[in-house]
Amino acid sequence: MLKGLRSALKFFTLGLLAGLLLAPRKGDDTRTLLVDRGREYIKELVSSGRRAAGDLRDQAVSGAQDNFKSDGRSYDNAAASSIQ
C-alpha cells in the first residue's frame, strides 16, 4: 500500500514539473491559475466533508431514535432522566 502511494506521489510530482516546464503561459499566469484551482479544490473538499458529516449526524440521530422507539418508549415525550 505504502509503496503504491510513493509511486503515485513520485509520478504526480514528475507530471506536475513537466507540465509547468512545458506550460504555454507565462509563469505568473500559471501560478495564478494553479492557486485559483487549488482554492476551488479545497472549498469543494471542505463542503463535501461538511455534507458527509451532516449525513452521518442524521444517520446517528435516526438510529438513536429508532433504538429508543424499539424499547416501547415515545421519543417525543422523552426526558433526559428516562434515557438509561
PDB file of N, CA and C in Angstrom:
ATOM      1  N   MET A   1       0.824  -1.190   0.000  1.00  0.00           N
ATOM      2  CA  MET A   1       0.000   0.000   0.000  1.00  0.00           C
ATOM      3  C   MET A   1       0.871   1.258   0.000  1.00  0.00           C
ATOM      4  N   LEU A   2       1.830   1.299   0.907  1.00  0.00           N
ATOM      5  CA  LEU A   2       2.704   2.466   1.008  1.00  0.00           C
ATOM      6  C   LEU A   2       3.586   2.609  -0.230  1.00  0.00           C
ATOM      7  N   LYS A   3       3.999   1.479  -0.788  1.00  0.00           N
ATOM      8  CA  LYS A   3       4.830   1.509  -1.986  1.00  0.00           C
ATOM      9  C   LYS A   3       4.053   2.109  -3.159  1.00  0.00           C
ATOM     10  N   GLY A   4       2.787   1.738  -3.301  1.00  0.00           N
ATOM     11  CA  GLY A   4       1.943   2.282  -4.359  1.00  0.00           C
ATOM     12  C   GLY A   4       1.710   3.767  -4.187  1.00  0.00           C
ATOM     13  N   LEU A   5       1.559   4.209  -2.946  1.00  0.00           N
ATOM     14  CA  LEU A   5       1.358   5.624  -2.661  1.00  0.00           C
ATOM     15  C   LEU A   5       2.610   6.426  -3.005  1.00  0.00           C
ATOM     16  N   ARG A   6       3.754   5.871  -2.689  1.00  0.00           N
ATOM     17  CA  ARG A   6       5.017   6.546  -3.028  1.00  0.00           C
ATOM     18  C   ARG A   6       5.176   6.689  -4.539  1.00  0.00           C
ATOM     19  N   SER A   7       4.864   5.621  -5.257  1.00  0.00           N
ATOM     20  CA  SER A   7       4.969   5.663  -6.723  1.00  0.00           C
ATOM     21  C   SER A   7       4.008   6.687  -7.305  1.00  0.00           C
ATOM     22  N   ALA A   8       2.783   6.710  -6.794  1.00  0.00           N
ATOM     23  CA  ALA A   8       1.783   7.666  -7.285  1.00  0.00           C
ATOM     24  C   ALA A   8       2.251   9.093  -7.020  1.00  0.00           C
ATOM     25  N   LEU A   9       2.780   9.347  -5.834  1.00  0.00           N
ATOM     26  CA  LEU A   9       3.263  10.684  -5.494  1.00  0.00           C
ATOM     27  C   LEU A   9       4.449  11.078  -6.361  1.00  0.00           C
ATOM     28  N   LYS A  10       5.342  10.132  -6.612  1.00  0.00           N
ATOM     29  CA  LYS A  10       6.516  10.396  -7.444  1.00  0.00           C
ATOM     30  C   LYS A  10       6.096  10.772  -8.867  1.00  0.00           C
ATOM     31  N   PHE A  11       5.197   9.996  -9.457  1.00  0.00           N
ATOM     32  CA  PHE A  11       4.782  10.271 -10.827  1.00  0.00           C
ATOM     33  C   PHE A  11       3.912  11.520 -10.919  1.00  0.00           C
ATOM     34  N   PHE A  12       3.132  11.794  -9.888  1.00  0.00           N
ATOM     35  CA  PHE A  12       2.370  13.043  -9.864  1.00  0.00           C
ATOM     36  C   PHE A  12       3.312  14.242  -9.870  1.00  0.00           C
ATOM     37  N   THR A  13       4.351  14.180  -9.045  1.00  0.00           N
ATOM     38  CA  THR A  13       5.324  15.270  -8.972  1.00  0.00           C
ATOM     39  C   THR A  13       6.050  15.443 -10.305  1.00  0.00           C
ATOM     40  N   LEU A  14       6.458  14.345 -10.907  1.00  0.00           N
ATOM     41  CA  LEU A  14       7.130  14.434 -12.207  1.00  0.00           C
ATOM     42  C   LEU A  14       6.202  15.026 -13.273  1.00  0.00           C
ATOM     43  N   GLY A  15       4.959  14.617 -13.282  1.00  0.00           N
ATOM     44  CA  GLY A  15       3.992  15.158 -14.234  1.00  0.00           C
ATOM     45  C   GLY A  15       3.737  16.632 -14.012  1.00  0.00           C
ATOM     46  N   LEU A  16       3.656  17.027 -12.754  1.00  0.00           N
ATOM     47  CA  LEU A  16       3.451  18.442 -12.427  1.00  0.00           C
ATOM     48  C   LEU A  16       4.638  19.277 -12.893  1.00  0.00           C
ATOM     49  N   LEU A  17       5.842  18.814 -12.633  1.00  0.00           N
ATOM     50  CA  LEU A  17       7.036  19.552 -13.064  1.00  0.00           C
ATOM     51  C   LEU A  17       7.121  19.641 -14.584  1.00  0.00           C
ATOM     52  N   ALA A  18       6.832  18.541 -15.263  1.00  0.00           N
ATOM     53  CA  ALA A  18       6.866  18.558 -16.736  1.00  0.00           C
ATOM     54  C   ALA A  18       5.804  19.516 -17.275  1.00  0.00           C
ATOM     55  N   GLY A  19       4.642  19.510 -16.674  1.00  0.00           N
ATOM     56  CA  GLY A  19       3.577  20.415 -17.103  1.00  0.00           C
ATOM     57  C   GLY A  19       3.938  21.873 -16.898  1.00  0.00           C
ATOM     58  N   LEU A  20       4.589  22.156 -15.780  1.00  0.00           N
ATOM     59  CA  LEU A  20       4.999  23.538 -15.523  1.00  0.00           C
ATOM     60  C   LEU A  20       6.100  23.995 -16.476  1.00  0.00           C
ATOM     61  N   LEU A  21       7.013  23.091 -16.791  1.00  0.00           N
ATOM     62  CA  LEU A  21       8.093  23.449 -17.703  1.00  0.00           C
ATOM     63  C   LEU A  21       7.606  23.658 -19.131  1.00  0.00           C
ATOM     64  N   LEU A  22       6.583  22.915 -19.528  1.00  0.00           N
ATOM     65  CA  LEU A  22       6.092  22.993 -20.892  1.00  0.00           C
ATOM     66  C   LEU A  22       4.813  23.832 -21.018  1.00  0.00           C
ATOM     67  N   ALA A  23       4.481  24.567 -19.984  1.00  0.00           N
ATOM     68  CA  ALA A  23       3.238  25.348 -19.973  1.00  0.00           C
ATOM     69  C   ALA A  23       3.279  26.442 -21.036  1.00  0.00           C
ATOM     70  N   PRO A  24       2.155  26.656 -21.738  1.00  0.00           N
ATOM     71  CA  PRO A  24       2.117  27.679 -22.782  1.00  0.00           C
ATOM     72  C   PRO A  24       1.914  29.099 -22.237  1.00  0.00           C
ATOM     73  N   ARG A  25       1.743  29.247 -20.939  1.00  0.00           N
ATOM     74  CA  ARG A  25       1.512  30.566 -20.339  1.00  0.00           C
ATOM     75  C   ARG A  25       2.785  31.070 -19.652  1.00  0.00           C
ATOM     76  N   LYS A  26       2.750  32.365 -19.328  1.00  0.00           N
ATOM     77  CA  LYS A  26       3.845  32.924 -18.523  1.00  0.00           C
ATOM     78  C   LYS A  26       3.772  32.348 -17.116  1.00  0.00           C
ATOM     79  N   GLY A  27       4.871  32.417 -16.405  1.00  0.00           N
ATOM     80  CA  GLY A  27       4.938  31.875 -15.050  1.00  0.00           C
ATOM     81  C   GLY A  27       3.930  32.482 -14.098  1.00  0.00           C
ATOM     82  N   ASP A  28       3.760  33.811 -14.140  1.00  0.00           N
ATOM     83  CA  ASP A  28       2.804  34.468 -13.248  1.00  0.00           C
ATOM     84  C   ASP A  28       1.380  33.995 -13.517  1.00  0.00           C
ATOM     85  N   ASP A  29       1.040  33.868 -14.799  1.00  0.00           N
ATOM     86  CA  ASP A  29      -0.305  33.419 -15.157  1.00  0.00           C
ATOM     87  C   ASP A  29      -0.539  31.976 -14.698  1.00  0.00           C
ATOM     88  N   THR A  30       0.454  31.145 -14.875  1.00  0.00           N
ATOM     89  CA  THR A  30       0.339  29.742 -14.479  1.00  0.00           C
ATOM     90  C   THR A  30       0.193  29.618 -12.969  1.00  0.00           C
ATOM     91  N   ARG A  31       0.999  30.357 -12.217  1.00  0.00           N
ATOM     92  CA  ARG A  31       0.902  30.311 -10.757  1.00  0.00           C
ATOM     93  C   ARG A  31      -0.457  30.799 -10.285  1.00  0.00           C
ATOM     94  N   THR A  32      -0.961  31.870 -10.879  1.00  0.00           N
ATOM     95  CA  THR A  32      -2.279  32.384 -10.506  1.00  0.00           C
ATOM     96  C   THR A  32      -3.360  31.344 -10.783  1.00  0.00           C
ATOM     97  N   LEU A  33      -3.272  30.714 -11.938  1.00  0.00           N
ATOM     98  CA  LEU A  33      -4.241  29.685 -12.302  1.00  0.00           C
ATOM     99  C   LEU A  33      -4.182  28.513 -11.325  1.00  0.00           C
ATOM    100  N   LEU A  34      -2.973  28.073 -10.983  1.00  0.00           N
ATOM    101  CA  LEU A  34      -2.826  26.951 -10.053  1.00  0.00           C
ATOM    102  C   LEU A  34      -3.363  27.295  -8.665  1.00  0.00           C
ATOM    103  N   VAL A  35      -3.101  28.502  -8.198  1.00  0.00           N
ATOM    104  CA  VAL A  35      -3.594  28.916  -6.878  1.00  0.00           C
ATOM    105  C   VAL A  35      -5.116  28.972  -6.883  1.00  0.00           C
ATOM    106  N   ASP A  36      -5.707  29.526  -7.941  1.00  0.00           N
ATOM    107  CA  ASP A  36      -7.164  29.603  -8.021  1.00  0.00           C
ATOM    108  C   ASP A  36      -7.798  28.214  -8.045  1.00  0.00           C
ATOM    109  N   ARG A  37      -7.231  27.325  -8.841  1.00  0.00           N
ATOM    110  CA  ARG A  37      -7.759  25.955  -8.896  1.00  0.00           C
ATOM    111  C   ARG A  37      -7.578  25.239  -7.568  1.00  0.00           C
ATOM    112  N   GLY A  38      -6.462  25.489  -6.904  1.00  0.00           N
ATOM    113  CA  GLY A  38      -6.231  24.888  -5.590  1.00  0.00           C
ATOM    114  C   GLY A  38      -7.248  25.357  -4.574  1.00  0.00           C
ATOM    115  N   ARG A  39      -7.563  26.639  -4.596  1.00  0.00           N
ATOM    116  CA  ARG A  39      -8.574  27.173  -3.671  1.00  0.00           C
ATOM    117  C   ARG A  39      -9.942  26.561  -3.951  1.00  0.00           C
ATOM    118  N   GLU A  40     -10.310  26.442  -5.219  1.00  0.00           N
ATOM    119  CA  GLU A  40     -11.591  25.828  -5.578  1.00  0.00           C
ATOM    120  C   GLU A  40     -11.644  24.383  -5.106  1.00  0.00           C
ATOM    121  N   TYR A  41     -10.550  23.673  -5.297  1.00  0.00           N
ATOM    122  CA  TYR A  41     -10.489  22.273  -4.880  1.00  0.00           C
ATOM    123  C   TYR A  41     -10.663  22.148  -3.370  1.00  0.00           C
ATOM    124  N   ILE A  42     -10.002  23.010  -2.617  1.00  0.00           N
ATOM    125  CA  ILE A  42     -10.103  22.971  -1.155  1.00  0.00           C
ATOM    126  C   ILE A  42     -11.520  23.306  -0.712  1.00  0.00           C
ATOM    127  N   LYS A  43     -12.141  24.294  -1.350  1.00  0.00           N
ATOM    128  CA  LYS A  43     -13.524  24.636  -1.000  1.00  0.00           C
ATOM    129  C   LYS A  43     -14.459  23.469  -1.254  1.00  0.00           C
ATOM    130  N   GLU A  44     -14.290  22.797  -2.391  1.00  0.00           N
ATOM    131  CA  GLU A  44     -15.119  21.630  -2.706  1.00  0.00           C
ATOM    132  C   GLU A  44     -14.886  20.513  -1.692  1.00  0.00           C
ATOM    133  N   LEU A  45     -13.634  20.317  -1.324  1.00  0.00           N
ATOM    134  CA  LEU A  45     -13.287  19.270  -0.367  1.00  0.00           C
ATOM    135  C   LEU A  45     -13.930  19.545   0.994  1.00  0.00           C
ATOM    136  N   VAL A  46     -13.856  20.788   1.444  1.00  0.00           N
ATOM    137  CA  VAL A  46     -14.442  21.154   2.731  1.00  0.00           C
ATOM    138  C   VAL A  46     -15.957  21.011   2.695  1.00  0.00           C
ATOM    139  N   SER A  47     -16.575  21.480   1.618  1.00  0.00           N
ATOM    140  CA  SER A  47     -18.036  21.390   1.548  1.00  0.00           C
ATOM    141  C   SER A  47     -18.500  19.937   1.479  1.00  0.00           C
ATOM    142  N   SER A  48     -17.786  19.085   0.755  1.00  0.00           N
ATOM    143  CA  SER A  48     -18.179  17.675   0.708  1.00  0.00           C
ATOM    144  C   SER A  48     -17.962  17.015   2.069  1.00  0.00           C
ATOM    145  N   GLY A  49     -16.936  17.427   2.788  1.00  0.00           N
ATOM    146  CA  GLY A  49     -16.720  16.916   4.143  1.00  0.00           C
ATOM    147  C   GLY A  49     -17.832  17.334   5.086  1.00  0.00           C
ATOM    148  N   ARG A  50     -18.287  18.564   4.950  1.00  0.00           N
ATOM    149  CA  ARG A  50     -19.401  19.030   5.783  1.00  0.00           C
ATOM    150  C   ARG A  50     -20.683  18.273   5.459  1.00  0.00           C
ATOM    151  N   ARG A  51     -20.921  18.038   4.160  1.00  0.00           N
ATOM    152  CA  ARG A  51     -22.114  17.277   3.778  1.00  0.00           C
ATOM    153  C   ARG A  51     -22.044  15.864   4.342  1.00  0.00           C
ATOM    154  N   ALA A  52     -20.879  15.250   4.248  1.00  0.00           N
ATOM    155  CA  ALA A  52     -20.718  13.888   4.767  1.00  0.00           C
ATOM    156  C   ALA A  52     -20.923  13.857   6.276  1.00  0.00           C
ATOM    157  N   ALA A  53     -20.400  14.856   6.979  1.00  0.00           N
ATOM    158  CA  ALA A  53     -20.570  14.919   8.436  1.00  0.00           C
ATOM    159  C   ALA A  53     -22.042  15.114   8.785  1.00  0.00           C
ATOM    160  N   GLY A  54     -22.738  15.945   8.026  1.00  0.00           N
ATOM    161  CA  GLY A  54     -24.166  16.145   8.262  1.00  0.00           C
ATOM    162  C   GLY A  54     -24.950  14.867   8.018  1.00  0.00           C
ATOM    163  N   ASP A  55     -24.598  14.131   6.963  1.00  0.00           N
ATOM    164  CA  ASP A  55     -25.273  12.867   6.681  1.00  0.00           C
ATOM    165  C   ASP A  55     -25.032  11.860   7.806  1.00  0.00           C
ATOM    166  N   LEU A  56     -23.806  11.793   8.289  1.00  0.00           N
ATOM    167  CA  LEU A  56     -23.501  10.877   9.393  1.00  0.00           C
ATOM    168  C   LEU A  56     -24.262  11.262  10.655  1.00  0.00           C
ATOM    169  N   ARG A  57     -24.352  12.571  10.908  1.00  0.00           N
ATOM    170  CA  ARG A  57     -25.093  13.041  12.074  1.00  0.00           C
ATOM    171  C   ARG A  57     -26.563  12.647  11.957  1.00  0.00           C
ATOM    172  N   ASP A  58     -27.152  12.844  10.777  1.00  0.00           N
ATOM    173  CA  ASP A  58     -28.554  12.493  10.569  1.00  0.00           C
ATOM    174  C   ASP A  58     -28.780  10.996  10.752  1.00  0.00           C
ATOM    175  N   GLN A  59     -27.854  10.182  10.259  1.00  0.00           N
ATOM    176  CA  GLN A  59     -27.971   8.735  10.424  1.00  0.00           C
ATOM    177  C   GLN A  59     -27.870   8.343  11.890  1.00  0.00           C
ATOM    178  N   ALA A  60     -26.971   8.994  12.628  1.00  0.00           N
ATOM    179  CA  ALA A  60     -26.810   8.680  14.049  1.00  0.00           C
ATOM    180  C   ALA A  60     -28.067   9.064  14.830  1.00  0.00           C
ATOM    181  N   VAL A  61     -28.634  10.230  14.523  1.00  0.00           N
ATOM    182  CA  VAL A  61     -29.848  10.669  15.218  1.00  0.00           C
ATOM    183  C   VAL A  61     -30.993   9.727  14.896  1.00  0.00           C
ATOM    184  N   SER A  62     -31.133   9.372  13.643  1.00  0.00           N
ATOM    185  CA  SER A  62     -32.202   8.463  13.232  1.00  0.00           C
ATOM    186  C   SER A  62     -32.052   7.096  13.905  1.00  0.00           C
ATOM    187  N   GLY A  63     -30.831   6.598  13.957  1.00  0.00           N
ATOM    188  CA  GLY A  63     -30.587   5.314  14.621  1.00  0.00           C
ATOM    189  C   GLY A  63     -30.885   5.371  16.100  1.00  0.00           C
ATOM    190  N   ALA A  64     -30.518   6.460  16.739  1.00  0.00           N
ATOM    191  CA  ALA A  64     -30.791   6.621  18.170  1.00  0.00           C
ATOM    192  C   ALA A  64     -32.290   6.693  18.421  1.00  0.00           C
ATOM    193  N   GLN A  65     -33.005   7.402  17.550  1.00  0.00           N
ATOM    194  CA  GLN A  65     -34.461   7.491  17.704  1.00  0.00           C
ATOM    195  C   GLN A  65     -35.104   6.121  17.514  1.00  0.00           C
ATOM    196  N   ASP A  66     -34.622   5.372  16.517  1.00  0.00           N
ATOM    197  CA  ASP A  66     -35.168   4.041  16.275  1.00  0.00           C
ATOM    198  C   ASP A  66     -34.916   3.114  17.465  1.00  0.00           C
ATOM    199  N   ASN A  67     -33.726   3.188  18.040  1.00  0.00           N
ATOM    200  CA  ASN A  67     -33.416   2.362  19.209  1.00  0.00           C
ATOM    201  C   ASN A  67     -34.287   2.745  20.393  1.00  0.00           C
ATOM    202  N   PHE A  68     -34.516   4.020  20.548  1.00  0.00           N
ATOM    203  CA  PHE A  68     -35.321   4.495  21.666  1.00  0.00           C
ATOM    204  C   PHE A  68     -36.765   4.043  21.492  1.00  0.00           C
ATOM    205  N   LYS A  69     -37.271   4.102  20.252  1.00  0.00           N
ATOM    206  CA  LYS A  69     -38.649   3.691  19.989  1.00  0.00           C
ATOM    207  C   LYS A  69     -38.817   2.178  20.124  1.00  0.00           C
ATOM    208  N   SER A  70     -37.780   1.410  19.811  1.00  0.00           N
ATOM    209  CA  SER A  70     -37.895  -0.049  19.887  1.00  0.00           C
ATOM    210  C   SER A  70     -38.027  -0.534  21.324  1.00  0.00           C
ATOM    211  N   ASP A  71     -37.667   0.317  22.277  1.00  0.00           N
ATOM    212  CA  ASP A  71     -37.829  -0.042  23.689  1.00  0.00           C
ATOM    213  C   ASP A  71     -39.251   0.208  24.163  1.00  0.00           C
ATOM    214  N   GLY A  72     -40.137   0.659  23.270  1.00  0.00           N
ATOM    215  CA  GLY A  72     -41.526   0.907  23.634  1.00  0.00           C
ATOM    216  C   GLY A  72     -41.768   2.285  24.210  1.00  0.00           C
ATOM    217  N   ARG A  73     -40.784   3.134  24.131  1.00  0.00           N
ATOM    218  CA  ARG A  73     -40.934   4.476  24.673  1.00  0.00           C
ATOM    219  C   ARG A  73     -41.165   5.452  23.532  1.00  0.00           C
ATOM    220  N   SER A  74     -41.796   6.541  23.838  1.00  0.00           N
ATOM    221  CA  SER A  74     -42.056   7.567  22.830  1.00  0.00           C
ATOM    222  C   SER A  74     -40.909   8.558  22.831  1.00  0.00           C
ATOM    223  N   TYR A  75     -40.328   8.775  21.690  1.00  0.00           N
ATOM    224  CA  TYR A  75     -39.205   9.716  21.579  1.00  0.00           C
ATOM    225  C   TYR A  75     -39.654  11.142  21.827  1.00  0.00           C
ATOM    226  N   ASP A  76     -40.852  11.488  21.395  1.00  0.00           N
ATOM    227  CA  ASP A  76     -41.330  12.865  21.503  1.00  0.00           C
ATOM    228  C   ASP A  76     -41.518  13.284  22.956  1.00  0.00           C
ATOM    229  N   ASN A  77     -41.872  12.353  23.836  1.00  0.00           N
ATOM    230  CA  ASN A  77     -42.133  12.685  25.239  1.00  0.00           C
ATOM    231  C   ASN A  77     -40.976  12.301  26.137  1.00  0.00           C
ATOM    232  N   ALA A  78     -39.847  11.997  25.568  1.00  0.00           N
ATOM    233  CA  ALA A  78     -38.714  11.518  26.364  1.00  0.00           C
ATOM    234  C   ALA A  78     -38.088  12.653  27.158  1.00  0.00           C
ATOM    235  N   ALA A  79     -37.747  12.347  28.370  1.00  0.00           N
ATOM    236  CA  ALA A  79     -36.998  13.291  29.206  1.00  0.00           C
ATOM    237  C   ALA A  79     -35.596  12.741  29.361  1.00  0.00           C
ATOM    238  N   ALA A  80     -34.657  13.626  29.638  1.00  0.00           N
ATOM    239  CA  ALA A  80     -33.255  13.210  29.751  1.00  0.00           C
ATOM    240  C   ALA A  80     -33.080  12.166  30.848  1.00  0.00           C
ATOM    241  N   SER A  81     -33.907  12.230  31.930  1.00  0.00           N
ATOM    242  CA  SER A  81     -33.744  11.292  33.028  1.00  0.00           C
ATOM    243  C   SER A  81     -34.250   9.892  32.679  1.00  0.00           C
ATOM    244  N   SER A  82     -35.089   9.778  31.625  1.00  0.00           N
ATOM    245  CA  SER A  82     -35.618   8.458  31.273  1.00  0.00           C
ATOM    246  C   SER A  82     -34.678   7.671  30.367  1.00  0.00           C
ATOM    247  N   ILE A  83     -33.638   8.317  29.866  1.00  0.00           N
ATOM    248  CA  ILE A  83     -32.684   7.633  28.998  1.00  0.00           C
ATOM    249  C   ILE A  83     -31.650   6.935  29.859  1.00  0.00           C
ATOM    250  N   GLN A  84     -31.485   5.632  29.654  1.00  0.00           N
ATOM    251  CA  GLN A  84     -30.575   4.864  30.513  1.00  0.00           C
ATOM    252  C   GLN A  84     -29.336   4.489  29.775  1.00  0.00           C
TER     253      GLN A  84
END
